[in-house]
Amino acid sequence: MFEQNVGDGANLFVTIVAVIIGFAAAMGYIDFIKRTKKEDKKH
């Protein structure tokens, strides 16, 4: 019983970390796209 709870907690933790990393990567990507568009307008 205890081992199962620890396993679920670990899976939840891994899922949360994966979501945070994915969100951060997406924000970085969007920022990169916005910057490249601004650079295109300058030239």
Protein backbone atom coordinates (compact mmCIF):
# COMPACT_ATOMS: atom_id res chain seq x y z
CA MET A 1 0.00 0.00 0.00
CA PHE A 2 2.70 2.47 1.01
CA GLU A 3 4.88 1.61 -1.99
CA GLN A 4 1.96 2.21 -4.33
CA ASN A 5 1.37 5.67 -2.86
CA VAL A 6 5.04 6.56 -3.22
CA GLY A 7 4.93 5.39 -6.85
CA ASP A 8 1.87 7.51 -7.60
CA GLY A 9 3.50 10.51 -5.92
CA ALA A 10 6.64 10.04 -8.00
CA ASN A 11 4.62 9.78 -11.20
CA LEU A 12 2.71 12.94 -10.28
CA PHE A 13 5.97 14.75 -9.53
CA VAL A 14 7.50 13.67 -12.85
CA THR A 15 4.34 14.76 -14.69
CA ILE A 16 4.33 18.18 -13.01
CA VAL A 17 8.04 18.69 -13.77
CA ALA A 18 7.46 17.66 -17.40
CA VAL A 19 4.58 20.14 -17.72
CA ILE A 20 6.64 22.96 -16.21
CA ILE A 21 9.58 22.22 -18.53
CA GLY A 22 7.24 22.05 -21.53
CA PHE A 23 5.58 25.34 -20.54
CA ALA A 24 8.95 27.05 -20.09
CA ALA A 25 10.13 25.72 -23.44
CA ALA A 26 6.94 26.95 -25.11
CA MET A 27 7.31 30.42 -23.59
CA GLY A 28 10.94 30.57 -24.73
CA TYR A 29 9.92 29.48 -28.22
CA ILE A 30 7.14 32.07 -28.43
CA ASP A 31 9.56 34.76 -27.23
CA PHE A 32 12.06 33.65 -29.89
CA ILE A 33 9.38 33.86 -32.61
CA LYS A 34 8.37 37.36 -31.45
CA ARG A 35 11.99 38.51 -31.49
CA THR A 36 12.60 37.17 -34.99
CA LYS A 37 9.45 38.92 -36.24
CA LYS A 38 10.64 42.21 -34.73
CA GLU A 39 14.03 41.78 -36.39
CA ASP A 40 12.31 41.17 -39.74
CA LYS A 41 10.37 44.44 -39.43
CA LYS A 42 13.57 46.44 -38.76
CA HIS A 43 15.22 45.22 -41.96
